[in-house]
């Protein structure tokens, strides 16, 4: 079975937590108001990907043009590293 990239299960509470954690308090309300105006599918996931700066899958993105040529083990390793990095960022306090 080919490895697949995990997708985060996040919601707007995660977005608010990350904004308040990573941005100055005097900007957080303005940032959250701007985010509220955004209309996009999978909003929490997309917004968090933007806030993270390196997106959800930095290693996979760098190799995207040749990802299908990698072995299943290489691909799984990339997905695992990306997932660990994202999870650590998401749950950092």
PDB file of N, CA and C in Angstrom:
ATOM      1  N   UNK A   1       0.834  -1.174   0.000  1.00  0.00           N
ATOM      2  CA  UNK A   1       0.000   0.000   0.000  1.00  0.00           C
ATOM      3  C   UNK A   1       0.885   1.247   0.000  1.00  0.00           C
ATOM      4  N   UNK A   2       0.560   2.187  -0.892  1.00  0.00           N
ATOM      5  CA  UNK A   2       1.343   3.414  -0.995  1.00  0.00           C
ATOM      6  C   UNK A   2       1.098   4.295   0.221  1.00  0.00           C
ATOM      7  N   UNK A   3       2.166   4.935   0.729  1.00  0.00           N
ATOM      8  CA  UNK A   3       1.993   5.836   1.866  1.00  0.00           C
ATOM      9  C   UNK A   3       1.186   7.070   1.470  1.00  0.00           C
ATOM     10  N   UNK A   4       0.432   7.588   2.400  1.00  0.00           N
ATOM     11  CA  UNK A   4      -0.341   8.802   2.157  1.00  0.00           C
ATOM     12  C   UNK A   4       0.014   9.847   3.206  1.00  0.00           C
ATOM     13  N   UNK A   5      -0.133  11.093   2.816  1.00  0.00           N
ATOM     14  CA  UNK A   5       0.138  12.177   3.752  1.00  0.00           C
ATOM     15  C   UNK A   5      -1.015  12.274   4.745  1.00  0.00           C
ATOM     16  N   UNK A   6      -0.710  12.354   6.022  1.00  0.00           N
ATOM     17  CA  UNK A   6      -1.777  12.581   6.993  1.00  0.00           C
ATOM     18  C   UNK A   6      -2.279  14.016   6.877  1.00  0.00           C
ATOM     19  N   UNK A   7      -3.536  14.212   7.183  1.00  0.00           N
ATOM     20  CA  UNK A   7      -4.113  15.556   7.178  1.00  0.00           C
ATOM     21  C   UNK A   7      -4.506  15.909   8.607  1.00  0.00           C
ATOM     22  N   UNK A   8      -4.161  17.097   9.051  1.00  0.00           N
ATOM     23  CA  UNK A   8      -4.484  17.473  10.425  1.00  0.00           C
ATOM     24  C   UNK A   8      -5.986  17.629  10.632  1.00  0.00           C
ATOM     25  N   UNK A   9      -6.432  17.258  11.807  1.00  0.00           N
ATOM     26  CA  UNK A   9      -7.818  17.455  12.216  1.00  0.00           C
ATOM     27  C   UNK A   9      -7.826  18.694  13.101  1.00  0.00           C
ATOM     28  N   UNK A  10      -8.035  19.854  12.489  1.00  0.00           N
ATOM     29  CA  UNK A  10      -7.954  21.126  13.199  1.00  0.00           C
ATOM     30  C   UNK A  10      -9.255  21.895  13.021  1.00  0.00           C
ATOM     31  N   UNK A  11      -9.466  22.848  13.921  1.00  0.00           N
ATOM     32  CA  UNK A  11     -10.668  23.674  13.831  1.00  0.00           C
ATOM     33  C   UNK A  11     -10.301  25.122  14.140  1.00  0.00           C
ATOM     34  N   UNK A  12     -11.310  25.979  14.157  1.00  0.00           N
ATOM     35  CA  UNK A  12     -11.050  27.400  14.356  1.00  0.00           C
ATOM     36  C   UNK A  12     -10.549  27.708  15.772  1.00  0.00           C
ATOM     37  N   UNK A  13     -10.810  26.830  16.726  1.00  0.00           N
ATOM     38  CA  UNK A  13     -10.223  27.011  18.058  1.00  0.00           C
ATOM     39  C   UNK A  13      -8.705  26.863  17.988  1.00  0.00           C
ATOM     40  N   UNK A  14      -8.231  25.937  17.165  1.00  0.00           N
ATOM     41  CA  UNK A  14      -6.788  25.798  16.959  1.00  0.00           C
ATOM     42  C   UNK A  14      -6.219  27.066  16.322  1.00  0.00           C
ATOM     43  N   UNK A  15      -6.943  27.612  15.348  1.00  0.00           N
ATOM     44  CA  UNK A  15      -6.484  28.840  14.687  1.00  0.00           C
ATOM     45  C   UNK A  15      -6.347  29.959  15.715  1.00  0.00           C
ATOM     46  N   UNK A  16      -7.366  30.156  16.539  1.00  0.00           N
ATOM     47  CA  UNK A  16      -7.306  31.228  17.537  1.00  0.00           C
ATOM     48  C   UNK A  16      -6.152  31.003  18.517  1.00  0.00           C
ATOM     49  N   UNK A  17      -5.987  29.766  18.954  1.00  0.00           N
ATOM     50  CA  UNK A  17      -4.895  29.448  19.888  1.00  0.00           C
ATOM     51  C   UNK A  17      -3.539  29.772  19.277  1.00  0.00           C
ATOM     52  N   UNK A  18      -3.331  29.391  18.026  1.00  0.00           N
ATOM     53  CA  UNK A  18      -2.052  29.633  17.356  1.00  0.00           C
ATOM     54  C   UNK A  18      -1.823  31.131  17.148  1.00  0.00           C
ATOM     55  N   UNK A  19      -2.855  31.849  16.722  1.00  0.00           N
ATOM     56  CA  UNK A  19      -2.709  33.299  16.530  1.00  0.00           C
ATOM     57  C   UNK A  19      -2.322  33.959  17.852  1.00  0.00           C
ATOM     58  N   UNK A  20      -3.009  33.601  18.914  1.00  0.00           N
ATOM     59  CA  UNK A  20      -2.718  34.220  20.220  1.00  0.00           C
ATOM     60  C   UNK A  20      -1.358  33.775  20.766  1.00  0.00           C
ATOM     61  N   UNK A  21      -0.909  32.590  20.381  1.00  0.00           N
ATOM     62  CA  UNK A  21       0.400  32.096  20.826  1.00  0.00           C
ATOM     63  C   UNK A  21       1.547  32.751  20.053  1.00  0.00           C
ATOM     64  N   UNK A  22       1.373  32.910  18.736  1.00  0.00           N
ATOM     65  CA  UNK A  22       2.493  33.289  17.866  1.00  0.00           C
ATOM     66  C   UNK A  22       2.555  34.762  17.473  1.00  0.00           C
ATOM     67  N   UNK A  23       1.522  35.533  17.767  1.00  0.00           N
ATOM     68  CA  UNK A  23       1.488  36.928  17.337  1.00  0.00           C
ATOM     69  C   UNK A  23       1.297  37.845  18.539  1.00  0.00           C
ATOM     70  N   UNK A  24       1.789  39.085  18.444  1.00  0.00           N
ATOM     71  CA  UNK A  24       1.646  40.024  19.558  1.00  0.00           C
ATOM     72  C   UNK A  24       0.166  40.232  19.928  1.00  0.00           C
ATOM     73  N   UNK A  25      -0.085  40.376  21.210  1.00  0.00           N
ATOM     74  CA  UNK A  25      -1.460  40.501  21.710  1.00  0.00           C
ATOM     75  C   UNK A  25      -2.204  41.654  21.047  1.00  0.00           C
ATOM     76  N   UNK A  26      -1.501  42.756  20.764  1.00  0.00           N
ATOM     77  CA  UNK A  26      -2.178  43.912  20.172  1.00  0.00           C
ATOM     78  C   UNK A  26      -2.573  43.686  18.712  1.00  0.00           C
ATOM     79  N   UNK A  27      -2.083  42.629  18.080  1.00  0.00           N
ATOM     80  CA  UNK A  27      -2.440  42.316  16.692  1.00  0.00           C
ATOM     81  C   UNK A  27      -3.399  41.136  16.569  1.00  0.00           C
ATOM     82  N   UNK A  28      -3.510  40.340  17.601  1.00  0.00           N
ATOM     83  CA  UNK A  28      -4.272  39.085  17.512  1.00  0.00           C
ATOM     84  C   UNK A  28      -5.723  39.306  17.095  1.00  0.00           C
ATOM     85  N   UNK A  29      -6.409  40.271  17.694  1.00  0.00           N
ATOM     86  CA  UNK A  29      -7.817  40.496  17.344  1.00  0.00           C
ATOM     87  C   UNK A  29      -7.977  40.922  15.889  1.00  0.00           C
ATOM     88  N   UNK A  30      -7.065  41.760  15.411  1.00  0.00           N
ATOM     89  CA  UNK A  30      -7.117  42.201  14.013  1.00  0.00           C
ATOM     90  C   UNK A  30      -6.871  41.025  13.072  1.00  0.00           C
ATOM     91  N   UNK A  31      -5.902  40.202  13.399  1.00  0.00           N
ATOM     92  CA  UNK A  31      -5.601  39.023  12.576  1.00  0.00           C
ATOM     93  C   UNK A  31      -6.806  38.096  12.549  1.00  0.00           C
ATOM     94  N   UNK A  32      -7.414  37.847  13.703  1.00  0.00           N
ATOM     95  CA  UNK A  32      -8.576  36.961  13.765  1.00  0.00           C
ATOM     96  C   UNK A  32      -9.765  37.536  13.003  1.00  0.00           C
ATOM     97  N   UNK A  33      -9.929  38.847  13.028  1.00  0.00           N
ATOM     98  CA  UNK A  33     -11.008  39.490  12.263  1.00  0.00           C
ATOM     99  C   UNK A  33     -10.771  39.305  10.767  1.00  0.00           C
ATOM    100  N   UNK A  34      -9.522  39.457  10.334  1.00  0.00           N
ATOM    101  CA  UNK A  34      -9.186  39.242   8.923  1.00  0.00           C
ATOM    102  C   UNK A  34      -9.433  37.791   8.523  1.00  0.00           C
ATOM    103  N   UNK A  35      -9.076  36.874   9.387  1.00  0.00           N
ATOM    104  CA  UNK A  35      -9.294  35.449   9.109  1.00  0.00           C
ATOM    105  C   UNK A  35     -10.789  35.160   9.007  1.00  0.00           C
ATOM    106  N   UNK A  36     -11.595  35.777   9.864  1.00  0.00           N
ATOM    107  CA  UNK A  36     -13.044  35.549   9.835  1.00  0.00           C
ATOM    108  C   UNK A  36     -13.651  35.945   8.492  1.00  0.00           C
ATOM    109  N   UNK A  37     -13.038  36.900   7.815  1.00  0.00           N
ATOM    110  CA  UNK A  37     -13.556  37.367   6.531  1.00  0.00           C
ATOM    111  C   UNK A  37     -13.202  36.449   5.361  1.00  0.00           C
ATOM    112  N   UNK A  38     -12.312  35.514   5.593  1.00  0.00           N
ATOM    113  CA  UNK A  38     -11.856  34.619   4.534  1.00  0.00           C
ATOM    114  C   UNK A  38     -12.882  33.512   4.284  1.00  0.00           C
ATOM    115  N   UNK A  39     -13.191  33.286   3.020  1.00  0.00           N
ATOM    116  CA  UNK A  39     -14.086  32.191   2.624  1.00  0.00           C
ATOM    117  C   UNK A  39     -13.263  31.178   1.844  1.00  0.00           C
ATOM    118  N   UNK A  40     -13.041  30.030   2.448  1.00  0.00           N
ATOM    119  CA  UNK A  40     -12.254  28.985   1.788  1.00  0.00           C
ATOM    120  C   UNK A  40     -12.657  27.634   2.375  1.00  0.00           C
ATOM    121  N   UNK A  41     -12.625  26.627   1.543  1.00  0.00           N
ATOM    122  CA  UNK A  41     -12.907  25.269   2.004  1.00  0.00           C
ATOM    123  C   UNK A  41     -11.788  24.815   2.934  1.00  0.00           C
ATOM    124  N   UNK A  42     -12.101  24.036   3.942  1.00  0.00           N
ATOM    125  CA  UNK A  42     -11.131  23.582   4.944  1.00  0.00           C
ATOM    126  C   UNK A  42     -10.401  24.779   5.563  1.00  0.00           C
ATOM    127  N   UNK A  43     -11.179  25.766   5.961  1.00  0.00           N
ATOM    128  CA  UNK A  43     -10.643  27.050   6.408  1.00  0.00           C
ATOM    129  C   UNK A  43      -9.581  26.923   7.497  1.00  0.00           C
ATOM    130  N   UNK A  44      -9.857  26.190   8.552  1.00  0.00           N
ATOM    131  CA  UNK A  44      -8.884  26.094   9.649  1.00  0.00           C
ATOM    132  C   UNK A  44      -7.566  25.519   9.149  1.00  0.00           C
ATOM    133  N   UNK A  45      -7.641  24.478   8.353  1.00  0.00           N
ATOM    134  CA  UNK A  45      -6.427  23.843   7.834  1.00  0.00           C
ATOM    135  C   UNK A  45      -5.655  24.790   6.917  1.00  0.00           C
ATOM    136  N   UNK A  46      -6.347  25.479   6.041  1.00  0.00           N
ATOM    137  CA  UNK A  46      -5.690  26.404   5.108  1.00  0.00           C
ATOM    138  C   UNK A  46      -5.058  27.565   5.868  1.00  0.00           C
ATOM    139  N   UNK A  47      -5.798  28.125   6.811  1.00  0.00           N
ATOM    140  CA  UNK A  47      -5.273  29.260   7.586  1.00  0.00           C
ATOM    141  C   UNK A  47      -4.049  28.834   8.383  1.00  0.00           C
ATOM    142  N   UNK A  48      -4.112  27.683   9.033  1.00  0.00           N
ATOM    143  CA  UNK A  48      -2.954  27.225   9.799  1.00  0.00           C
ATOM    144  C   UNK A  48      -1.754  26.968   8.897  1.00  0.00           C
ATOM    145  N   UNK A  49      -1.988  26.440   7.709  1.00  0.00           N
ATOM    146  CA  UNK A  49      -0.894  26.254   6.754  1.00  0.00           C
ATOM    147  C   UNK A  49      -0.233  27.578   6.401  1.00  0.00           C
ATOM    148  N   UNK A  50      -1.039  28.630   6.252  1.00  0.00           N
ATOM    149  CA  UNK A  50      -0.495  29.961   5.958  1.00  0.00           C
ATOM    150  C   UNK A  50       0.248  30.530   7.165  1.00  0.00           C
ATOM    151  N   UNK A  51      -0.319  30.360   8.344  1.00  0.00           N
ATOM    152  CA  UNK A  51       0.316  30.896   9.544  1.00  0.00           C
ATOM    153  C   UNK A  51       1.642  30.202   9.853  1.00  0.00           C
ATOM    154  N   UNK A  52       1.743  28.950   9.456  1.00  0.00           N
ATOM    155  CA  UNK A  52       2.947  28.173   9.768  1.00  0.00           C
ATOM    156  C   UNK A  52       4.157  28.622   8.953  1.00  0.00           C
ATOM    157  N   UNK A  53       3.944  29.279   7.875  1.00  0.00           N
ATOM    158  CA  UNK A  53       4.998  29.783   6.990  1.00  0.00           C
ATOM    159  C   UNK A  53       5.677  28.699   6.167  1.00  0.00           C
ATOM    160  N   UNK A  54       5.866  27.523   6.715  1.00  0.00           N
ATOM    161  CA  UNK A  54       6.477  26.437   5.924  1.00  0.00           C
ATOM    162  C   UNK A  54       5.416  25.476   5.414  1.00  0.00           C
ATOM    163  N   UNK A  55       4.169  25.815   5.593  1.00  0.00           N
ATOM    164  CA  UNK A  55       3.033  24.993   5.173  1.00  0.00           C
ATOM    165  C   UNK A  55       3.021  23.653   5.895  1.00  0.00           C
ATOM    166  N   UNK A  56       2.079  22.806   5.517  1.00  0.00           N
ATOM    167  CA  UNK A  56       1.930  21.529   6.205  1.00  0.00           C
ATOM    168  C   UNK A  56       3.028  20.531   5.850  1.00  0.00           C
ATOM    169  N   UNK A  57       3.456  20.555   4.616  1.00  0.00           N
ATOM    170  CA  UNK A  57       4.348  19.497   4.118  1.00  0.00           C
ATOM    171  C   UNK A  57       5.609  20.070   3.479  1.00  0.00           C
ATOM    172  N   UNK A  58       6.520  20.662   4.262  1.00  0.00           N
ATOM    173  CA  UNK A  58       7.678  21.323   3.653  1.00  0.00           C
ATOM    174  C   UNK A  58       8.601  20.380   2.887  1.00  0.00           C
ATOM    175  N   UNK A  59       8.867  19.197   3.411  1.00  0.00           N
ATOM    176  CA  UNK A  59       9.770  18.270   2.704  1.00  0.00           C
ATOM    177  C   UNK A  59       9.114  17.698   1.452  1.00  0.00           C
ATOM    178  N   UNK A  60       7.852  17.315   1.574  1.00  0.00           N
ATOM    179  CA  UNK A  60       7.146  16.766   0.412  1.00  0.00           C
ATOM    180  C   UNK A  60       7.004  17.817  -0.682  1.00  0.00           C
ATOM    181  N   UNK A  61       6.752  19.064  -0.288  1.00  0.00           N
ATOM    182  CA  UNK A  61       6.604  20.130  -1.273  1.00  0.00           C
ATOM    183  C   UNK A  61       7.888  20.330  -2.071  1.00  0.00           C
ATOM    184  N   UNK A  62       9.021  20.235  -1.398  1.00  0.00           N
ATOM    185  CA  UNK A  62      10.306  20.397  -2.090  1.00  0.00           C
ATOM    186  C   UNK A  62      10.555  19.281  -3.099  1.00  0.00           C
ATOM    187  N   UNK A  63       9.954  18.133  -2.872  1.00  0.00           N
ATOM    188  CA  UNK A  63      10.183  16.977  -3.741  1.00  0.00           C
ATOM    189  C   UNK A  63       8.968  16.644  -4.611  1.00  0.00           C
ATOM    190  N   UNK A  64       7.977  17.528  -4.614  1.00  0.00           N
ATOM    191  CA  UNK A  64       6.700  17.222  -5.244  1.00  0.00           C
ATOM    192  C   UNK A  64       6.825  16.808  -6.704  1.00  0.00           C
ATOM    193  N   UNK A  65       7.699  17.447  -7.455  1.00  0.00           N
ATOM    194  CA  UNK A  65       7.802  17.144  -8.887  1.00  0.00           C
ATOM    195  C   UNK A  65       8.304  15.729  -9.151  1.00  0.00           C
ATOM    196  N   UNK A  66       8.950  15.110  -8.156  1.00  0.00           N
ATOM    197  CA  UNK A  66       9.459  13.749  -8.359  1.00  0.00           C
ATOM    198  C   UNK A  66       8.988  12.788  -7.276  1.00  0.00           C
ATOM    199  N   UNK A  67       7.963  13.169  -6.525  1.00  0.00           N
ATOM    200  CA  UNK A  67       7.524  12.341  -5.401  1.00  0.00           C
ATOM    201  C   UNK A  67       7.104  10.943  -5.851  1.00  0.00           C
ATOM    202  N   UNK A  68       6.510  10.830  -7.012  1.00  0.00           N
ATOM    203  CA  UNK A  68       6.059   9.518  -7.506  1.00  0.00           C
ATOM    204  C   UNK A  68       7.225   8.609  -7.889  1.00  0.00           C
ATOM    205  N   UNK A  69       8.392   9.186  -8.128  1.00  0.00           N
ATOM    206  CA  UNK A  69       9.550   8.362  -8.489  1.00  0.00           C
ATOM    207  C   UNK A  69      10.275   7.802  -7.265  1.00  0.00           C
ATOM    208  N   UNK A  70       9.914   8.273  -6.084  1.00  0.00           N
ATOM    209  CA  UNK A  70      10.532   7.783  -4.854  1.00  0.00           C
ATOM    210  C   UNK A  70       9.936   6.436  -4.462  1.00  0.00           C
ATOM    211  N   UNK A  71      10.703   5.680  -3.716  1.00  0.00           N
ATOM    212  CA  UNK A  71      10.178   4.407  -3.225  1.00  0.00           C
ATOM    213  C   UNK A  71       9.118   4.688  -2.163  1.00  0.00           C
ATOM    214  N   UNK A  72       8.295   3.691  -1.883  1.00  0.00           N
ATOM    215  CA  UNK A  72       7.286   3.844  -0.835  1.00  0.00           C
ATOM    216  C   UNK A  72       7.938   4.179   0.500  1.00  0.00           C
ATOM    217  N   UNK A  73       9.078   3.578   0.777  1.00  0.00           N
ATOM    218  CA  UNK A  73       9.775   3.835   2.030  1.00  0.00           C
ATOM    219  C   UNK A  73      10.280   5.281   2.101  1.00  0.00           C
ATOM    220  N   UNK A  74      10.839   5.786   0.998  1.00  0.00           N
ATOM    221  CA  UNK A  74      11.309   7.171   0.971  1.00  0.00           C
ATOM    222  C   UNK A  74      10.147   8.141   1.156  1.00  0.00           C
ATOM    223  N   UNK A  75       9.055   7.876   0.455  1.00  0.00           N
ATOM    224  CA  UNK A  75       7.881   8.727   0.559  1.00  0.00           C
ATOM    225  C   UNK A  75       7.314   8.694   1.985  1.00  0.00           C
ATOM    226  N   UNK A  76       7.218   7.505   2.565  1.00  0.00           N
ATOM    227  CA  UNK A  76       6.708   7.375   3.933  1.00  0.00           C
ATOM    228  C   UNK A  76       7.592   8.133   4.916  1.00  0.00           C
ATOM    229  N   UNK A  77       8.892   8.073   4.717  1.00  0.00           N
ATOM    230  CA  UNK A  77       9.820   8.786   5.595  1.00  0.00           C
ATOM    231  C   UNK A  77       9.602  10.297   5.504  1.00  0.00           C
ATOM    232  N   UNK A  78       9.428  10.805   4.302  1.00  0.00           N
ATOM    233  CA  UNK A  78       9.174  12.241   4.105  1.00  0.00           C
ATOM    234  C   UNK A  78       7.866  12.629   4.779  1.00  0.00           C
ATOM    235  N   UNK A  79       6.813  11.858   4.548  1.00  0.00           N
ATOM    236  CA  UNK A  79       5.509  12.165   5.147  1.00  0.00           C
ATOM    237  C   UNK A  79       5.584  12.111   6.669  1.00  0.00           C
ATOM    238  N   UNK A  80       6.295  11.121   7.204  1.00  0.00           N
ATOM    239  CA  UNK A  80       6.434  11.000   8.661  1.00  0.00           C
ATOM    240  C   UNK A  80       7.170  12.206   9.249  1.00  0.00           C
ATOM    241  N   UNK A  81       8.260  12.637   8.606  1.00  0.00           N
ATOM    242  CA  UNK A  81       9.020  13.793   9.096  1.00  0.00           C
ATOM    243  C   UNK A  81       8.171  15.064   9.048  1.00  0.00           C
ATOM    244  N   UNK A  82       7.464  15.250   7.934  1.00  0.00           N
ATOM    245  CA  UNK A  82       6.599  16.419   7.811  1.00  0.00           C
ATOM    246  C   UNK A  82       5.512  16.402   8.886  1.00  0.00           C
ATOM    247  N   UNK A  83       4.923  15.239   9.120  1.00  0.00           N
ATOM    248  CA  UNK A  83       3.845  15.127  10.093  1.00  0.00           C
ATOM    249  C   UNK A  83       4.343  15.411  11.513  1.00  0.00           C
ATOM    250  N   UNK A  84       5.505  14.882  11.862  1.00  0.00           N
ATOM    251  CA  UNK A  84       6.074  15.145  13.191  1.00  0.00           C
ATOM    252  C   UNK A  84       6.344  16.630  13.383  1.00  0.00           C
ATOM    253  N   UNK A  85       6.928  17.253  12.353  1.00  0.00           N
ATOM    254  CA  UNK A  85       7.253  18.671  12.436  1.00  0.00           C
ATOM    255  C   UNK A  85       5.981  19.503  12.582  1.00  0.00           C
ATOM    256  N   UNK A  86       4.950  19.193  11.800  1.00  0.00           N
ATOM    257  CA  UNK A  86       3.686  19.927  11.883  1.00  0.00           C
ATOM    258  C   UNK A  86       3.041  19.727  13.251  1.00  0.00           C
ATOM    259  N   UNK A  87       2.991  18.507  13.721  1.00  0.00           N
ATOM    260  CA  UNK A  87       2.368  18.203  15.017  1.00  0.00           C
ATOM    261  C   UNK A  87       3.080  18.920  16.158  1.00  0.00           C
ATOM    262  N   UNK A  88       4.401  18.940  16.122  1.00  0.00           N
ATOM    263  CA  UNK A  88       5.164  19.654  17.152  1.00  0.00           C
ATOM    264  C   UNK A  88       4.843  21.144  17.136  1.00  0.00           C
ATOM    265  N   UNK A  89       4.761  21.718  15.931  1.00  0.00           N
ATOM    266  CA  UNK A  89       4.412  23.133  15.803  1.00  0.00           C
ATOM    267  C   UNK A  89       3.000  23.398  16.323  1.00  0.00           C
ATOM    268  N   UNK A  90       2.048  22.572  15.915  1.00  0.00           N
ATOM    269  CA  UNK A  90       0.651  22.762  16.275  1.00  0.00           C
ATOM    270  C   UNK A  90       0.439  22.685  17.781  1.00  0.00           C
ATOM    271  N   UNK A  91       1.121  21.782  18.444  1.00  0.00           N
ATOM    272  CA  UNK A  91       0.867  21.535  19.867  1.00  0.00           C
ATOM    273  C   UNK A  91       1.854  22.233  20.806  1.00  0.00           C
ATOM    274  N   UNK A  92       2.759  23.015  20.238  1.00  0.00           N
ATOM    275  CA  UNK A  92       3.707  23.767  21.066  1.00  0.00           C
ATOM    276  C   UNK A  92       2.949  24.756  21.939  1.00  0.00           C
ATOM    277  N   UNK A  93       3.407  24.948  23.147  1.00  0.00           N
ATOM    278  CA  UNK A  93       2.734  25.905  24.045  1.00  0.00           C
ATOM    279  C   UNK A  93       3.565  27.150  24.237  1.00  0.00           C
TER     280      UNK A  93
END
